[in-house]
């Protein structure tokens, strides 16, 4: 007997290899995928402006990277505790305006560099509900009173039109993977969350049908239809549990990575694990030989970004020389 309907995935038209540079933008699920990619030593930049939940805020971030203009003090707000910006996540807020501006402008430049050099982009839509202030969609409300904002749901056409312009503009020439976040936005109510996810899914499908450079990866369906059980959610019953993220990663590697990348993945994970290993005798010859072997393995994989691991092994050899 079968007790679940497992999603059958096939290779995406967009493939990611170690030679590619990846930019991921969107909800916290985008951060999960980016973390997995980075841990496997892919060249990836994740959410330079912080977590972004709705498609229009993702689009605004892309435009800001395509034509980077410094954030100025008059664009900041101050709540008596920290300085903040409605286009950035709260992680970029700071006790002083100078510190906040430094963080935000560094993030914008990082995003500009990532967009310039990337050839693969992963976009994760989290919710179609947006909050507007003075006619502009905000990326984060920064705990401001609800009366300052108006709330509405984006239409499928609005999302598609916005990203059509980007795909034909700043994102031109890049291969794009769209996903819908499995994170449940229960603040919108379960019924509101369902309508929101439906709008996002329809928009993603229409973009995929319209552009050959766009593919869809079913992260949302894997959690809601394949796993389909609260044990695969965290204690908050909103975010996927680590087991669910690991399962999605397995599906992602099987469908979105090149054959060579999949073959190299175990070696990348082994070297990363070796760098995390703490020897019983750091000064011993056995550990020195271990470090030399790891450096040889790294040298054989020039397409991977093992800079930090290589520095660690070299430092171990220098200390014990």
Protein backbone atom coordinates (compact mmCIF):
# COMPACT_ATOMS: atom_id res chain seq x y z
CA UNK A 1 0.00 0.00 0.00
CA UNK A 2 1.03 3.60 -0.58
CA UNK A 3 0.40 6.11 2.16
CA UNK A 4 1.56 9.24 0.36
CA UNK A 5 1.75 10.68 -3.12
CA UNK A 6 5.40 11.36 -3.84
CA UNK A 7 6.11 14.08 -6.38
CA UNK A 8 7.93 12.81 -9.42
CA UNK A 9 10.47 15.38 -10.54
CA UNK A 10 12.38 15.54 -13.81
CA UNK A 11 15.46 17.55 -14.77
CA UNK A 12 14.77 21.27 -15.11
CA UNK A 13 15.59 23.16 -18.26
CA UNK A 14 17.76 25.38 -16.04
CA UNK A 15 20.79 23.53 -14.67
CA UNK A 16 23.28 24.73 -12.06
CA UNK A 17 26.93 23.71 -12.04
CA UNK A 18 29.98 24.71 -10.08
CA UNK A 19 31.02 26.99 -12.91
CA UNK A 20 27.87 29.09 -12.46
CA UNK A 21 27.26 32.05 -10.15
CA UNK A 22 23.94 32.04 -8.38
CA UNK A 23 21.87 34.86 -6.89
CA UNK A 24 18.95 33.87 -4.65
CA UNK A 25 16.24 36.32 -3.62
CA UNK A 26 13.02 36.01 -1.69
CA UNK A 27 11.56 34.51 1.44
CA UNK A 28 13.40 32.63 4.16
CA UNK A 29 13.05 29.50 2.04
CA UNK A 30 15.39 31.13 -0.51
CA UNK A 31 17.87 31.46 2.35
CA UNK A 32 17.55 27.72 3.07
CA UNK A 33 18.36 26.79 -0.53
CA UNK A 34 21.23 29.31 -0.64
CA UNK A 35 22.64 27.90 2.60
CA UNK A 36 22.57 24.40 1.15
CA UNK A 37 24.23 25.58 -2.06
CA UNK A 38 26.91 27.48 -0.15
CA UNK A 39 27.53 24.49 2.10
CA UNK A 40 28.07 22.40 -1.03
CA UNK A 41 30.60 25.05 -2.19
CA UNK A 42 28.61 26.58 -5.03
CA UNK A 43 29.21 30.25 -5.76
CA UNK A 44 26.05 31.81 -4.38
CA UNK A 45 24.93 35.17 -3.01
CA UNK A 46 21.79 35.11 -0.88
CA UNK A 47 19.33 37.95 -0.27
CA UNK A 48 21.73 40.93 -0.18
CA UNK A 49 18.91 43.17 1.14
CA UNK A 50 17.64 40.57 3.57
CA UNK A 51 14.59 38.32 3.42
CA UNK A 52 11.94 39.57 1.00
CA UNK A 53 8.46 38.10 1.19
CA UNK A 54 6.45 39.49 -1.71
CA UNK A 55 7.22 39.61 -5.46
CA UNK A 56 7.14 43.41 -5.75
CA UNK A 57 9.77 43.83 -3.02
CA UNK A 58 11.93 41.24 -4.77
CA UNK A 59 11.48 43.20 -8.00
CA UNK A 60 12.38 46.48 -6.27
CA UNK A 61 15.58 44.92 -4.92
CA UNK A 62 16.56 43.72 -8.40
CA UNK A 63 16.01 47.20 -9.82
CA UNK A 64 18.11 48.71 -7.02
CA UNK A 65 20.96 46.34 -7.91
CA UNK A 66 20.65 47.02 -11.62
CA UNK A 67 20.93 50.79 -11.07
CA UNK A 68 22.48 51.17 -7.61
CA UNK A 69 21.86 54.56 -6.02
CA UNK A 70 23.20 55.19 -2.50
CA UNK A 71 20.65 55.11 0.30
CA UNK A 72 20.48 58.54 1.92
CA UNK A 73 19.57 59.62 5.43
CA UNK A 74 16.23 61.16 4.41
CA UNK A 75 15.06 57.71 3.25
CA UNK A 76 15.50 56.31 6.75
CA UNK A 77 12.96 56.16 9.55
CA UNK A 78 13.68 56.32 13.28
CA UNK A 79 11.48 54.72 15.92
CA UNK A 80 13.35 56.02 18.96
CA UNK A 81 15.49 52.92 19.11
CA UNK A 82 16.87 52.13 15.64
CA UNK A 83 17.12 53.65 12.17
CA UNK A 84 15.42 51.57 9.49
CA UNK A 85 14.44 51.54 5.81
CA UNK A 86 11.20 50.16 4.38
CA UNK A 87 13.09 48.50 1.53
CA UNK A 88 15.41 46.49 3.79
CA UNK A 89 14.96 43.74 6.33
CA UNK A 90 15.25 44.63 10.00
CA UNK A 91 18.70 43.01 10.12
CA UNK A 92 20.01 46.19 8.48
CA UNK A 93 18.56 48.54 11.08
CA UNK A 94 21.00 50.13 13.51
CA UNK A 95 21.16 52.46 16.55
CA UNK A 96 22.75 55.22 14.45
CA UNK A 97 21.86 56.49 10.99
CA UNK A 98 25.48 56.22 9.88
CA UNK A 99 25.68 52.56 10.83
CA UNK A 100 22.36 51.77 9.13
CA UNK A 101 23.41 53.58 5.95
CA UNK A 102 26.73 51.75 5.96
CA UNK A 103 25.02 48.38 6.17
CA UNK A 104 22.40 49.20 3.56
CA UNK A 105 24.75 50.69 1.02
CA UNK A 106 27.17 47.79 1.43
CA UNK A 107 24.26 45.41 0.86
CA UNK A 108 23.14 47.29 -2.25
CA UNK A 109 26.64 47.19 -3.70
CA UNK A 110 26.88 43.48 -2.89
CA UNK A 111 23.59 42.94 -4.68
CA UNK A 112 24.75 44.95 -7.67
CA UNK A 113 27.92 42.86 -7.96
CA UNK A 114 25.96 39.62 -7.55
CA UNK A 115 23.46 40.62 -10.22
CA UNK A 116 26.24 41.70 -12.57
CA UNK A 117 28.15 38.41 -12.26
CA UNK A 118 25.31 35.90 -11.85
CA UNK A 119 24.08 33.68 -14.64
CA UNK A 120 21.60 31.75 -12.51
CA UNK A 121 18.89 33.40 -10.37
CA UNK A 122 16.59 31.62 -7.91
CA UNK A 123 13.51 33.61 -6.90
CA UNK A 124 11.22 32.46 -4.10
CA UNK A 125 7.81 34.11 -3.78
CA UNK A 126 6.46 33.99 -0.23
CA UNK A 127 3.15 35.85 -0.24
CA UNK A 128 0.97 37.84 -2.63
CA UNK A 129 -0.23 40.06 0.22
CA UNK A 130 1.55 43.41 0.36
CA UNK A 131 1.57 46.43 2.63
CA UNK A 132 1.73 49.87 1.07
CA UNK A 133 2.81 53.12 2.65
CA UNK A 134 2.45 56.41 0.80
CA UNK A 135 1.65 54.47 -2.38
CA UNK A 136 4.72 52.21 -2.26
CA UNK A 137 4.96 48.55 -1.33
CA UNK A 138 7.24 48.03 1.67
CA UNK A 139 9.54 45.06 2.14
CA UNK A 140 9.21 45.21 5.91
CA UNK A 141 6.84 47.12 8.19
CA UNK A 142 9.44 47.41 10.99
CA UNK A 143 6.73 47.09 13.64
CA UNK A 144 5.18 50.40 12.72
CA UNK A 145 1.47 50.89 13.57
CA UNK A 146 -0.89 49.09 11.20
CA UNK A 147 -2.72 52.37 10.56
CA UNK A 148 0.31 53.59 8.58
CA UNK A 149 -0.23 50.93 5.91
CA UNK A 150 -2.86 49.71 3.51
CA UNK A 151 -3.01 46.00 2.72
CA UNK A 152 -3.94 44.34 -0.55
CA UNK A 153 -3.33 41.19 -2.54
CA UNK A 154 -1.35 41.28 -5.76
CA UNK A 155 -3.05 39.99 -8.87
CA UNK A 156 -1.51 37.34 -11.08
CA UNK A 157 -1.28 39.87 -13.91
CA UNK A 158 0.54 42.40 -11.74
CA UNK A 159 3.17 39.85 -10.72
CA UNK A 160 3.61 38.54 -14.27
CA UNK A 161 3.84 42.03 -15.76
CA UNK A 162 6.43 43.13 -13.20
CA UNK A 163 8.70 40.16 -13.77
CA UNK A 164 8.23 40.18 -17.53
CA UNK A 165 9.83 43.63 -17.52
CA UNK A 166 12.70 42.37 -15.37
CA UNK A 167 13.29 39.22 -17.44
CA UNK A 168 13.49 41.37 -20.55
CA UNK A 169 15.57 44.00 -18.71
CA UNK A 170 17.95 43.54 -15.73
CA UNK A 171 17.56 39.74 -15.70
CA UNK A 172 18.07 39.31 -19.44
CA UNK A 173 20.52 36.57 -20.35
CA UNK A 174 20.14 34.76 -17.02
CA UNK A 175 18.56 31.40 -16.32
CA UNK A 176 15.86 31.68 -13.67
CA UNK A 177 14.36 29.16 -11.26
CA UNK A 178 11.08 30.21 -9.66
CA UNK A 179 9.76 28.65 -6.46
CA UNK A 180 6.84 29.33 -4.17
CA UNK A 181 7.75 29.20 -0.49
CA UNK A 182 6.12 26.41 1.54
CA UNK A 183 6.16 28.70 4.60
CA UNK A 184 2.56 29.28 5.69
CA UNK A 185 1.64 32.94 6.21
CA UNK A 186 -1.04 32.27 8.79
CA UNK A 187 -1.21 35.95 9.71
CA UNK A 188 -3.17 36.27 6.48
CA UNK A 189 -5.50 33.50 7.79
CA UNK A 190 -5.35 30.02 6.31
CA UNK A 191 -7.92 30.95 3.68
CA UNK A 192 -6.01 34.11 2.78
CA UNK A 193 -2.76 32.16 2.63
CA UNK A 194 -4.34 29.65 0.24
CA UNK A 195 -5.50 32.40 -2.13
CA UNK A 196 -2.08 34.06 -1.90
CA UNK A 197 -0.18 30.88 -2.75
CA UNK A 198 -2.56 30.22 -5.65
CA UNK A 199 -1.82 33.66 -7.11
CA UNK A 200 1.93 33.11 -6.76
CA UNK A 201 1.72 29.65 -8.31
CA UNK A 202 -0.31 30.88 -11.28
CA UNK A 203 2.10 33.76 -11.85
CA UNK A 204 5.08 31.39 -11.77
CA UNK A 205 3.38 29.06 -14.25
CA UNK A 206 2.55 31.89 -16.64
CA UNK A 207 6.15 33.18 -16.54
CA UNK A 208 7.44 29.66 -17.19
CA UNK A 209 5.13 29.29 -20.17
CA UNK A 210 6.12 32.68 -21.56
CA UNK A 211 9.93 32.48 -21.19
CA UNK A 212 12.28 29.64 -22.10
CA UNK A 213 14.80 30.89 -19.55
CA UNK A 214 12.37 30.31 -16.66
CA UNK A 215 11.73 27.03 -14.84
CA UNK A 216 9.63 26.19 -11.81
CA UNK A 217 10.80 24.00 -8.92
CA UNK A 218 7.90 22.59 -6.84
CA UNK A 219 9.13 23.30 -3.30
CA UNK A 220 5.63 24.32 -2.22
CA UNK A 221 4.04 21.16 -3.59
CA UNK A 222 6.71 18.92 -2.08
CA UNK A 223 5.81 20.09 1.42
CA UNK A 224 2.05 20.49 1.06
CA UNK A 225 1.26 17.48 -1.17
CA UNK A 226 4.18 15.06 -0.86
CA UNK A 227 5.19 15.32 2.81
CA UNK A 228 1.74 16.58 3.85
CA UNK A 229 2.15 16.11 7.60
CA UNK A 230 2.66 18.46 10.53
CA UNK A 231 5.69 16.48 11.68
CA UNK A 232 7.50 18.06 8.73
CA UNK A 233 6.88 21.55 10.12
CA UNK A 234 8.71 23.29 12.94
CA UNK A 235 7.22 23.92 16.36
CA UNK A 236 5.51 27.04 15.00
CA UNK A 237 3.60 24.89 12.46
CA UNK A 238 4.54 27.49 9.86
CA UNK A 239 8.12 26.86 8.72
CA UNK A 240 9.34 23.56 7.25
CA UNK A 241 11.28 21.41 9.70
CA UNK A 242 14.95 20.57 8.98
CA UNK A 243 13.91 17.13 7.66
CA UNK A 244 11.62 18.79 5.13
CA UNK A 245 14.35 21.19 4.01
CA UNK A 246 16.75 18.26 3.62
CA UNK A 247 14.17 16.36 1.56
CA UNK A 248 13.55 19.36 -0.69
CA UNK A 249 17.32 19.72 -1.11
CA UNK A 250 17.52 16.09 -2.28
CA UNK A 251 14.82 16.78 -4.86
CA UNK A 252 16.51 20.02 -5.89
CA UNK A 253 19.92 18.42 -6.43
CA UNK A 254 18.31 15.68 -8.52
CA UNK A 255 16.52 18.13 -10.81
CA UNK A 256 18.47 21.40 -10.88
CA UNK A 257 22.14 20.39 -10.75
CA UNK A 258 24.25 19.32 -13.71
CA UNK A 259 25.45 15.72 -13.83
CA UNK A 260 28.99 16.81 -12.99
CA UNK A 261 27.80 18.92 -10.05
CA UNK A 262 25.87 15.97 -8.63
CA UNK A 263 28.92 13.73 -9.04
CA UNK A 264 31.17 16.26 -7.29
CA UNK A 265 28.72 16.98 -4.48
CA UNK A 266 29.92 14.17 -2.15
CA UNK A 267 33.53 15.31 -2.54
CA UNK A 268 32.58 18.91 -1.74
CA UNK A 269 30.69 17.82 1.36
CA UNK A 270 33.59 15.62 2.45
CA UNK A 271 36.13 18.46 2.23
CA UNK A 272 33.80 20.82 4.11
CA UNK A 273 33.38 18.15 6.81
CA UNK A 274 37.15 17.70 6.96
CA UNK A 275 37.60 21.42 7.63
CA UNK A 276 35.14 21.15 10.52
CA UNK A 277 37.04 18.19 11.99
CA UNK A 278 38.99 18.92 15.16
CA UNK A 279 42.01 16.63 15.60
CA UNK A 280 43.00 14.93 18.85
CA UNK A 281 46.59 16.15 18.36
CA UNK A 282 46.78 19.32 16.19
CA UNK A 283 50.60 19.25 16.35
CA UNK A 284 50.91 15.62 15.31
CA UNK A 285 52.30 14.39 12.00
CA UNK A 286 49.04 12.54 11.31
CA UNK A 287 47.13 15.82 11.30
CA UNK A 288 49.75 17.49 9.11
CA UNK A 289 49.41 14.66 6.59
CA UNK A 290 45.62 15.01 6.82
CA UNK A 291 45.85 18.73 5.98
CA UNK A 292 48.15 18.10 3.03
CA UNK A 293 45.71 15.53 1.64
CA UNK A 294 42.84 18.00 1.89
CA UNK A 295 44.84 20.70 0.07
CA UNK A 296 45.54 18.20 -2.70
CA UNK A 297 41.82 17.42 -2.96
CA UNK A 298 41.03 21.14 -3.12
CA UNK A 299 43.65 21.72 -5.83
CA UNK A 300 41.93 19.06 -7.93
CA UNK A 301 38.65 21.00 -7.81
CA UNK A 302 39.46 24.51 -9.09
CA UNK A 303 35.82 25.24 -9.98
CA UNK A 304 34.78 25.13 -6.32
CA UNK A 305 35.15 27.93 -3.82
CA UNK A 306 37.23 26.34 -1.05
CA UNK A 307 39.05 29.52 -0.07
CA UNK A 308 38.20 29.42 3.64
CA UNK A 309 38.89 25.68 3.91
CA UNK A 310 42.22 26.01 2.09
CA UNK A 311 43.25 28.86 4.38
CA UNK A 312 42.39 26.74 7.42
CA UNK A 313 44.48 23.77 6.25
CA UNK A 314 47.43 26.01 5.28
CA UNK A 315 47.28 27.75 8.64
CA UNK A 316 47.38 24.39 10.41
CA UNK A 317 50.51 23.46 8.47
CA UNK A 318 52.18 26.83 9.16
CA UNK A 319 51.47 26.68 12.88
CA UNK A 320 52.93 23.19 13.12
CA UNK A 321 55.94 23.79 10.84
